[in-house]
Amino acid sequence: MATGGVVMWGSSLVGIGWGSDGPRAGYFPFYVGLLITASSLVTFVQAAIKSDPRVFVTGAQFKPVLAVLIPSLVFVAAIGVIGIYVASAAFIAYFMWWVGRERGWLLPAVALGLPSASFTVFEVWFLVPLPKGPLETLLGF
């Protein structure tokens, strides 16, 4: 529910109305945020009405969730420190090694190839800069 509210608030700052040339920048995000908030409220009310004392998830069931959640949080935090390309390479390599049990040549090829392809698409073709870290700066990217 908080996410929808944040989206709605941010959208209201850039304009959620209809301008002379069409919808303002926040028009569609505002209504998507409103839909998210309304859906969250409905889900919350349904959960409160149908409260079930049974255990929702056991520790054994939650372990695979944490195996994805924790590295994802580390990845997001690492983007600001080491840049998106290095963080992406490490994230992909981790999942291929830990979850996929990949040990061959495919691991470095994919872990380095996907961030390289992303760099080419965003930075070279579309000219959209993404967050860079010290390694990219050192290499002159």
N, C-alpha and C. Protein backbone atom coordinates (compact mmCIF):
# COMPACT_ATOMS: atom_id res chain seq x y z
N MET A 1 0.83 -1.19 0.00
CA MET A 1 0.00 0.00 0.00
C MET A 1 0.88 1.25 0.00
N ALA A 2 2.01 1.20 0.70
CA ALA A 2 2.88 2.36 0.76
C ALA A 2 3.44 2.70 -0.62
N THR A 3 3.73 1.68 -1.41
CA THR A 3 4.28 1.92 -2.74
C THR A 3 3.32 2.72 -3.60
N GLY A 4 2.05 2.33 -3.60
CA GLY A 4 1.05 3.06 -4.37
C GLY A 4 0.94 4.50 -3.92
N GLY A 5 1.01 4.72 -2.61
CA GLY A 5 0.94 6.08 -2.07
C GLY A 5 2.13 6.92 -2.49
N VAL A 6 3.31 6.33 -2.48
CA VAL A 6 4.52 7.03 -2.90
C VAL A 6 4.44 7.40 -4.37
N VAL A 7 3.97 6.46 -5.18
CA VAL A 7 3.81 6.72 -6.62
C VAL A 7 2.81 7.85 -6.85
N MET A 8 1.71 7.82 -6.12
CA MET A 8 0.69 8.86 -6.26
C MET A 8 1.23 10.22 -5.84
N TRP A 9 1.96 10.25 -4.73
CA TRP A 9 2.52 11.52 -4.25
C TRP A 9 3.54 12.08 -5.26
N GLY A 10 4.44 11.23 -5.73
CA GLY A 10 5.44 11.67 -6.71
C GLY A 10 4.80 12.12 -8.00
N SER A 11 3.75 11.43 -8.42
CA SER A 11 3.06 11.81 -9.65
C SER A 11 2.37 13.15 -9.50
N SER A 12 1.84 13.41 -8.32
CA SER A 12 1.15 14.69 -8.11
C SER A 12 2.12 15.86 -8.20
N LEU A 13 3.39 15.62 -7.92
CA LEU A 13 4.40 16.69 -8.00
C LEU A 13 4.67 17.12 -9.44
N VAL A 14 4.52 16.19 -10.38
CA VAL A 14 4.80 16.53 -11.78
C VAL A 14 3.53 16.78 -12.58
N GLY A 15 2.40 16.62 -11.95
CA GLY A 15 1.12 16.92 -12.61
C GLY A 15 0.37 15.67 -12.99
N ILE A 16 -0.88 15.58 -12.51
CA ILE A 16 -1.69 14.40 -12.79
C ILE A 16 -2.89 14.72 -13.66
N GLY A 17 -2.98 15.96 -14.08
CA GLY A 17 -4.12 16.37 -14.89
C GLY A 17 -3.90 16.17 -16.37
N TRP A 18 -4.81 16.73 -17.11
CA TRP A 18 -4.76 16.65 -18.56
C TRP A 18 -4.37 18.02 -19.08
N GLY A 19 -3.27 18.11 -19.81
CA GLY A 19 -2.81 19.37 -20.36
C GLY A 19 -3.35 19.60 -21.76
N SER A 20 -2.99 20.71 -22.34
CA SER A 20 -3.46 21.04 -23.69
C SER A 20 -2.91 20.06 -24.73
N ASP A 21 -1.78 19.46 -24.43
CA ASP A 21 -1.17 18.51 -25.36
C ASP A 21 -1.35 17.05 -24.94
N GLY A 22 -2.22 16.80 -23.98
CA GLY A 22 -2.48 15.43 -23.54
C GLY A 22 -2.22 15.27 -22.06
N PRO A 23 -2.08 14.03 -21.63
CA PRO A 23 -1.89 13.79 -20.20
C PRO A 23 -0.53 14.32 -19.72
N ARG A 24 -0.52 14.85 -18.50
CA ARG A 24 0.73 15.34 -17.91
C ARG A 24 1.57 14.13 -17.49
N ALA A 25 2.80 14.38 -17.11
CA ALA A 25 3.76 13.30 -16.83
C ALA A 25 3.31 12.35 -15.72
N GLY A 26 2.57 12.84 -14.75
CA GLY A 26 2.17 11.98 -13.64
C GLY A 26 0.80 11.36 -13.78
N TYR A 27 0.13 11.59 -14.89
CA TYR A 27 -1.25 11.13 -15.06
C TYR A 27 -1.38 9.61 -14.92
N PHE A 28 -0.67 8.88 -15.77
CA PHE A 28 -0.78 7.42 -15.75
C PHE A 28 -0.17 6.80 -14.49
N PRO A 29 1.04 7.25 -14.05
CA PRO A 29 1.57 6.67 -12.80
C PRO A 29 0.65 6.92 -11.60
N PHE A 30 -0.02 8.07 -11.57
CA PHE A 30 -0.92 8.35 -10.46
C PHE A 30 -2.05 7.33 -10.40
N TYR A 31 -2.65 7.07 -11.53
CA TYR A 31 -3.78 6.13 -11.53
C TYR A 31 -3.34 4.69 -11.34
N VAL A 32 -2.15 4.35 -11.76
CA VAL A 32 -1.60 3.02 -11.45
C VAL A 32 -1.37 2.91 -9.95
N GLY A 33 -0.82 3.97 -9.35
CA GLY A 33 -0.62 3.99 -7.89
C GLY A 33 -1.94 3.90 -7.14
N LEU A 34 -2.97 4.57 -7.67
CA LEU A 34 -4.30 4.50 -7.06
C LEU A 34 -4.84 3.08 -7.12
N LEU A 35 -4.64 2.42 -8.25
CA LEU A 35 -5.08 1.04 -8.41
C LEU A 35 -4.33 0.11 -7.45
N ILE A 36 -3.03 0.32 -7.31
CA ILE A 36 -2.23 -0.49 -6.38
C ILE A 36 -2.73 -0.29 -4.95
N THR A 37 -2.97 0.97 -4.58
CA THR A 37 -3.44 1.27 -3.23
C THR A 37 -4.81 0.65 -2.96
N ALA A 38 -5.73 0.80 -3.90
CA ALA A 38 -7.07 0.24 -3.74
C ALA A 38 -7.00 -1.28 -3.64
N SER A 39 -6.20 -1.91 -4.48
CA SER A 39 -6.06 -3.36 -4.44
C SER A 39 -5.46 -3.82 -3.11
N SER A 40 -4.50 -3.07 -2.62
CA SER A 40 -3.88 -3.41 -1.34
C SER A 40 -4.89 -3.30 -0.20
N LEU A 41 -5.72 -2.27 -0.24
CA LEU A 41 -6.74 -2.12 0.80
C LEU A 41 -7.74 -3.26 0.77
N VAL A 42 -8.17 -3.65 -0.43
CA VAL A 42 -9.11 -4.77 -0.55
C VAL A 42 -8.47 -6.04 -0.01
N THR A 43 -7.23 -6.29 -0.36
CA THR A 43 -6.53 -7.48 0.12
C THR A 43 -6.39 -7.45 1.64
N PHE A 44 -6.07 -6.28 2.18
CA PHE A 44 -5.94 -6.15 3.64
C PHE A 44 -7.25 -6.45 4.34
N VAL A 45 -8.35 -5.90 3.83
CA VAL A 45 -9.65 -6.13 4.44
C VAL A 45 -10.03 -7.61 4.34
N GLN A 46 -9.79 -8.22 3.19
CA GLN A 46 -10.09 -9.65 3.04
C GLN A 46 -9.28 -10.49 4.02
N ALA A 47 -8.02 -10.15 4.18
CA ALA A 47 -7.17 -10.91 5.10
C ALA A 47 -7.62 -10.72 6.54
N ALA A 48 -8.04 -9.51 6.88
CA ALA A 48 -8.50 -9.25 8.25
C ALA A 48 -9.80 -10.00 8.55
N ILE A 49 -10.69 -10.07 7.57
CA ILE A 49 -11.98 -10.75 7.77
C ILE A 49 -11.78 -12.25 7.86
N LYS A 50 -10.93 -12.79 7.00
CA LYS A 50 -10.73 -14.24 6.94
C LYS A 50 -9.49 -14.68 7.71
N SER A 51 -9.19 -14.00 8.81
CA SER A 51 -7.97 -14.34 9.53
C SER A 51 -7.96 -15.82 9.90
N ASP A 52 -6.89 -16.46 9.54
CA ASP A 52 -6.74 -17.90 9.72
C ASP A 52 -5.57 -18.14 10.68
N PRO A 53 -5.80 -18.84 11.78
CA PRO A 53 -4.72 -19.03 12.76
C PRO A 53 -3.63 -19.99 12.29
N ARG A 54 -3.83 -20.66 11.16
CA ARG A 54 -2.82 -21.59 10.68
C ARG A 54 -1.55 -20.84 10.26
N VAL A 55 -0.44 -21.54 10.28
CA VAL A 55 0.83 -20.96 9.89
C VAL A 55 0.82 -20.70 8.38
N PHE A 56 1.20 -19.49 8.01
CA PHE A 56 1.22 -19.11 6.60
C PHE A 56 2.38 -19.77 5.86
N VAL A 57 3.54 -19.75 6.49
CA VAL A 57 4.72 -20.32 5.85
C VAL A 57 5.63 -20.88 6.95
N THR A 58 6.22 -22.02 6.69
CA THR A 58 7.15 -22.62 7.65
C THR A 58 8.56 -22.12 7.36
N GLY A 59 9.45 -22.38 8.28
CA GLY A 59 10.84 -21.98 8.08
C GLY A 59 11.46 -22.62 6.86
N ALA A 60 11.14 -23.89 6.64
CA ALA A 60 11.68 -24.61 5.48
C ALA A 60 11.14 -24.02 4.17
N GLN A 61 9.90 -23.58 4.19
CA GLN A 61 9.32 -22.98 2.99
C GLN A 61 9.87 -21.57 2.75
N PHE A 62 10.24 -20.89 3.82
CA PHE A 62 10.71 -19.51 3.71
C PHE A 62 12.17 -19.42 3.31
N LYS A 63 12.92 -20.50 3.51
CA LYS A 63 14.34 -20.50 3.19
C LYS A 63 14.62 -20.18 1.71
N PRO A 64 13.91 -20.80 0.74
CA PRO A 64 14.16 -20.44 -0.67
C PRO A 64 13.79 -18.99 -0.99
N VAL A 65 12.81 -18.47 -0.27
CA VAL A 65 12.44 -17.06 -0.48
C VAL A 65 13.60 -16.17 -0.06
N LEU A 66 14.18 -16.46 1.10
CA LEU A 66 15.32 -15.68 1.57
C LEU A 66 16.54 -15.85 0.67
N ALA A 67 16.67 -17.03 0.06
CA ALA A 67 17.80 -17.27 -0.85
C ALA A 67 17.74 -16.37 -2.08
N VAL A 68 16.57 -15.87 -2.38
CA VAL A 68 16.40 -14.92 -3.49
C VAL A 68 16.34 -13.49 -2.97
N LEU A 69 15.63 -13.28 -1.87
CA LEU A 69 15.43 -11.93 -1.34
C LEU A 69 16.72 -11.28 -0.89
N ILE A 70 17.52 -11.98 -0.10
CA ILE A 70 18.74 -11.38 0.45
C ILE A 70 19.73 -10.99 -0.65
N PRO A 71 20.05 -11.87 -1.61
CA PRO A 71 20.94 -11.44 -2.70
C PRO A 71 20.35 -10.29 -3.53
N SER A 72 19.04 -10.27 -3.68
CA SER A 72 18.41 -9.18 -4.43
C SER A 72 18.58 -7.85 -3.71
N LEU A 73 18.43 -7.86 -2.39
CA LEU A 73 18.64 -6.64 -1.61
C LEU A 73 20.10 -6.19 -1.67
N VAL A 74 21.01 -7.16 -1.60
CA VAL A 74 22.44 -6.83 -1.72
C VAL A 74 22.72 -6.25 -3.10
N PHE A 75 22.12 -6.82 -4.13
CA PHE A 75 22.30 -6.32 -5.51
C PHE A 75 21.85 -4.87 -5.62
N VAL A 76 20.67 -4.57 -5.10
CA VAL A 76 20.15 -3.21 -5.18
C VAL A 76 21.06 -2.24 -4.43
N ALA A 77 21.52 -2.64 -3.24
CA ALA A 77 22.43 -1.78 -2.48
C ALA A 77 23.77 -1.62 -3.19
N ALA A 78 24.24 -2.67 -3.84
CA ALA A 78 25.54 -2.64 -4.52
C ALA A 78 25.53 -1.73 -5.74
N ILE A 79 24.38 -1.55 -6.36
CA ILE A 79 24.32 -0.69 -7.55
C ILE A 79 24.84 0.70 -7.24
N GLY A 80 24.47 1.23 -6.09
CA GLY A 80 24.91 2.58 -5.72
C GLY A 80 26.39 2.65 -5.38
N VAL A 81 27.00 1.53 -5.03
CA VAL A 81 28.40 1.52 -4.62
C VAL A 81 29.33 1.12 -5.76
N ILE A 82 29.00 0.04 -6.47
CA ILE A 82 29.91 -0.46 -7.51
C ILE A 82 29.35 -0.32 -8.92
N GLY A 83 28.16 0.23 -9.06
CA GLY A 83 27.58 0.44 -10.39
C GLY A 83 26.74 -0.73 -10.83
N ILE A 84 25.86 -0.47 -11.77
CA ILE A 84 24.89 -1.48 -12.18
C ILE A 84 25.52 -2.62 -12.97
N TYR A 85 26.55 -2.34 -13.73
CA TYR A 85 27.11 -3.38 -14.59
C TYR A 85 27.92 -4.40 -13.78
N VAL A 86 28.75 -3.94 -12.87
CA VAL A 86 29.52 -4.86 -12.03
C VAL A 86 28.58 -5.60 -11.08
N ALA A 87 27.62 -4.88 -10.50
CA ALA A 87 26.65 -5.52 -9.60
C ALA A 87 25.84 -6.57 -10.35
N SER A 88 25.45 -6.28 -11.59
CA SER A 88 24.68 -7.24 -12.38
C SER A 88 25.51 -8.48 -12.69
N ALA A 89 26.77 -8.29 -13.05
CA ALA A 89 27.64 -9.43 -13.34
C ALA A 89 27.78 -10.32 -12.10
N ALA A 90 27.99 -9.70 -10.94
CA ALA A 90 28.12 -10.48 -9.70
C ALA A 90 26.80 -11.18 -9.34
N PHE A 91 25.70 -10.50 -9.52
CA PHE A 91 24.38 -11.05 -9.21
C PHE A 91 24.06 -12.26 -10.10
N ILE A 92 24.31 -12.11 -11.39
CA ILE A 92 24.07 -13.21 -12.33
C ILE A 92 24.99 -14.39 -12.02
N ALA A 93 26.26 -14.09 -11.78
CA ALA A 93 27.22 -15.16 -11.48
C ALA A 93 26.81 -15.89 -10.21
N TYR A 94 26.38 -15.15 -9.18
CA TYR A 94 25.96 -15.78 -7.94
C TYR A 94 24.80 -16.74 -8.18
N PHE A 95 23.78 -16.28 -8.88
CA PHE A 95 22.62 -17.14 -9.09
C PHE A 95 22.94 -18.33 -9.98
N MET A 96 23.78 -18.14 -10.98
CA MET A 96 24.15 -19.28 -11.82
C MET A 96 24.97 -20.29 -11.02
N TRP A 97 25.84 -19.82 -10.13
CA TRP A 97 26.69 -20.70 -9.35
C TRP A 97 25.93 -21.34 -8.20
N TRP A 98 25.22 -20.52 -7.41
CA TRP A 98 24.57 -21.01 -6.19
C TRP A 98 23.26 -21.73 -6.48
N VAL A 99 22.39 -21.10 -7.24
CA VAL A 99 21.07 -21.69 -7.49
C VAL A 99 21.11 -22.66 -8.66
N GLY A 100 21.74 -22.26 -9.76
CA GLY A 100 21.78 -23.10 -10.95
C GLY A 100 22.86 -24.15 -10.95
N ARG A 101 23.80 -24.04 -10.00
CA ARG A 101 24.90 -25.00 -9.89
C ARG A 101 25.74 -25.08 -11.16
N GLU A 102 25.83 -23.98 -11.87
CA GLU A 102 26.62 -23.92 -13.10
C GLU A 102 28.09 -23.74 -12.73
N ARG A 103 28.96 -24.53 -13.30
CA ARG A 103 30.39 -24.45 -13.00
C ARG A 103 31.26 -24.30 -14.24
N GLY A 104 30.69 -24.41 -15.41
CA GLY A 104 31.47 -24.41 -16.64
C GLY A 104 31.69 -23.03 -17.23
N TRP A 105 32.00 -23.04 -18.49
CA TRP A 105 32.30 -21.81 -19.23
C TRP A 105 31.08 -20.90 -19.36
N LEU A 106 29.89 -21.46 -19.23
CA LEU A 106 28.67 -20.67 -19.40
C LEU A 106 28.52 -19.59 -18.34
N LEU A 107 28.97 -19.87 -17.12
CA LEU A 107 28.83 -18.90 -16.04
C LEU A 107 29.52 -17.58 -16.36
N PRO A 108 30.82 -17.55 -16.65
CA PRO A 108 31.43 -16.25 -16.96
C PRO A 108 30.91 -15.65 -18.25
N ALA A 109 30.56 -16.49 -19.21
CA ALA A 109 30.05 -15.96 -20.49
C ALA A 109 28.75 -15.20 -20.28
N VAL A 110 27.82 -15.77 -19.52
CA VAL A 110 26.54 -15.11 -19.28
C VAL A 110 26.71 -13.95 -18.30
N ALA A 111 27.47 -14.17 -17.22
CA ALA A 111 27.64 -13.14 -16.19
C ALA A 111 28.32 -11.89 -16.74
N LEU A 112 29.17 -12.05 -17.71
CA LEU A 112 29.81 -10.88 -18.33
C LEU A 112 29.09 -10.43 -19.60
N GLY A 113 28.48 -11.39 -20.30
CA GLY A 113 27.81 -11.06 -21.55
C GLY A 113 26.54 -10.23 -21.39
N LEU A 114 25.71 -10.57 -20.41
CA LEU A 114 24.46 -9.83 -20.22
C LEU A 114 24.69 -8.37 -19.81
N PRO A 115 25.56 -8.09 -18.82
CA PRO A 115 25.82 -6.68 -18.53
C PRO A 115 26.47 -5.94 -19.71
N SER A 116 27.29 -6.65 -20.48
CA SER A 116 27.88 -6.02 -21.68
C SER A 116 26.82 -5.69 -22.71
N ALA A 117 25.89 -6.61 -22.90
CA ALA A 117 24.78 -6.35 -23.83
C ALA A 117 23.91 -5.20 -23.32
N SER A 118 23.67 -5.16 -22.02
CA SER A 118 22.88 -4.06 -21.44
C SER A 118 23.59 -2.74 -21.65
N PHE A 119 24.91 -2.72 -21.45
CA PHE A 119 25.69 -1.50 -21.68
C PHE A 119 25.54 -1.04 -23.12
N THR A 120 25.67 -1.97 -24.05
CA THR A 120 25.57 -1.62 -25.47
C THR A 120 24.19 -1.05 -25.80
N VAL A 121 23.16 -1.70 -25.32
CA VAL A 121 21.80 -1.25 -25.63
C VAL A 121 21.52 0.11 -25.01
N PHE A 122 21.76 0.25 -23.70
CA PHE A 122 21.37 1.49 -23.02
C PHE A 122 22.34 2.63 -23.25
N GLU A 123 23.62 2.39 -23.06
CA GLU A 123 24.60 3.48 -23.11
C GLU A 123 24.99 3.87 -24.54
N VAL A 124 25.12 2.88 -25.41
CA VAL A 124 25.60 3.16 -26.76
C VAL A 124 24.44 3.47 -27.71
N TRP A 125 23.46 2.59 -27.77
CA TRP A 125 22.38 2.76 -28.74
C TRP A 125 21.35 3.80 -28.30
N PHE A 126 20.85 3.68 -27.06
CA PHE A 126 19.80 4.59 -26.61
C PHE A 126 20.34 5.84 -25.94
N LEU A 127 21.65 5.88 -25.64
CA LEU A 127 22.30 7.01 -24.97
C LEU A 127 21.66 7.33 -23.62
N VAL A 128 21.30 6.27 -22.89
CA VAL A 128 20.72 6.41 -21.56
C VAL A 128 21.77 5.97 -20.55
N PRO A 129 22.31 6.91 -19.77
CA PRO A 129 23.32 6.51 -18.79
C PRO A 129 22.69 5.80 -17.60
N LEU A 130 23.31 4.71 -17.19
CA LEU A 130 22.89 3.98 -16.00
C LEU A 130 23.94 4.17 -14.92
N PRO A 131 23.61 3.90 -13.66
CA PRO A 131 24.56 4.14 -12.56
C PRO A 131 25.86 3.37 -12.75
N LYS A 132 26.95 4.10 -12.66
CA LYS A 132 28.27 3.49 -12.83
C LYS A 132 29.03 3.56 -11.51
N GLY A 133 29.94 2.62 -11.34
CA GLY A 133 30.76 2.56 -10.15
C GLY A 133 32.22 2.90 -10.48
N PRO A 134 33.09 2.67 -9.55
CA PRO A 134 34.49 3.02 -9.76
C PRO A 134 35.17 2.24 -10.88
N LEU A 135 34.79 0.99 -11.11
CA LEU A 135 35.41 0.20 -12.18
C LEU A 135 35.07 0.79 -13.55
N GLU A 136 33.82 1.13 -13.77
CA GLU A 136 33.44 1.72 -15.05
C GLU A 136 34.12 3.06 -15.25
N THR A 137 34.23 3.83 -14.18
CA THR A 137 34.90 5.13 -14.26
C THR A 137 36.38 4.93 -14.59
N LEU A 138 37.00 3.94 -13.96
CA LEU A 138 38.41 3.64 -14.20
C LEU A 138 38.64 3.23 -15.65
N LEU A 139 37.69 2.48 -16.22
CA LEU A 139 37.82 2.01 -17.59
C LEU A 139 37.37 3.06 -18.62
N GLY A 140 36.87 4.20 -18.14
CA GLY A 140 36.49 5.29 -19.02
C GLY A 140 35.08 5.18 -19.59
N PHE A 141 34.23 4.42 -18.96
CA PHE A 141 32.85 4.30 -19.43
C PHE A 141 32.07 5.39 -18.79
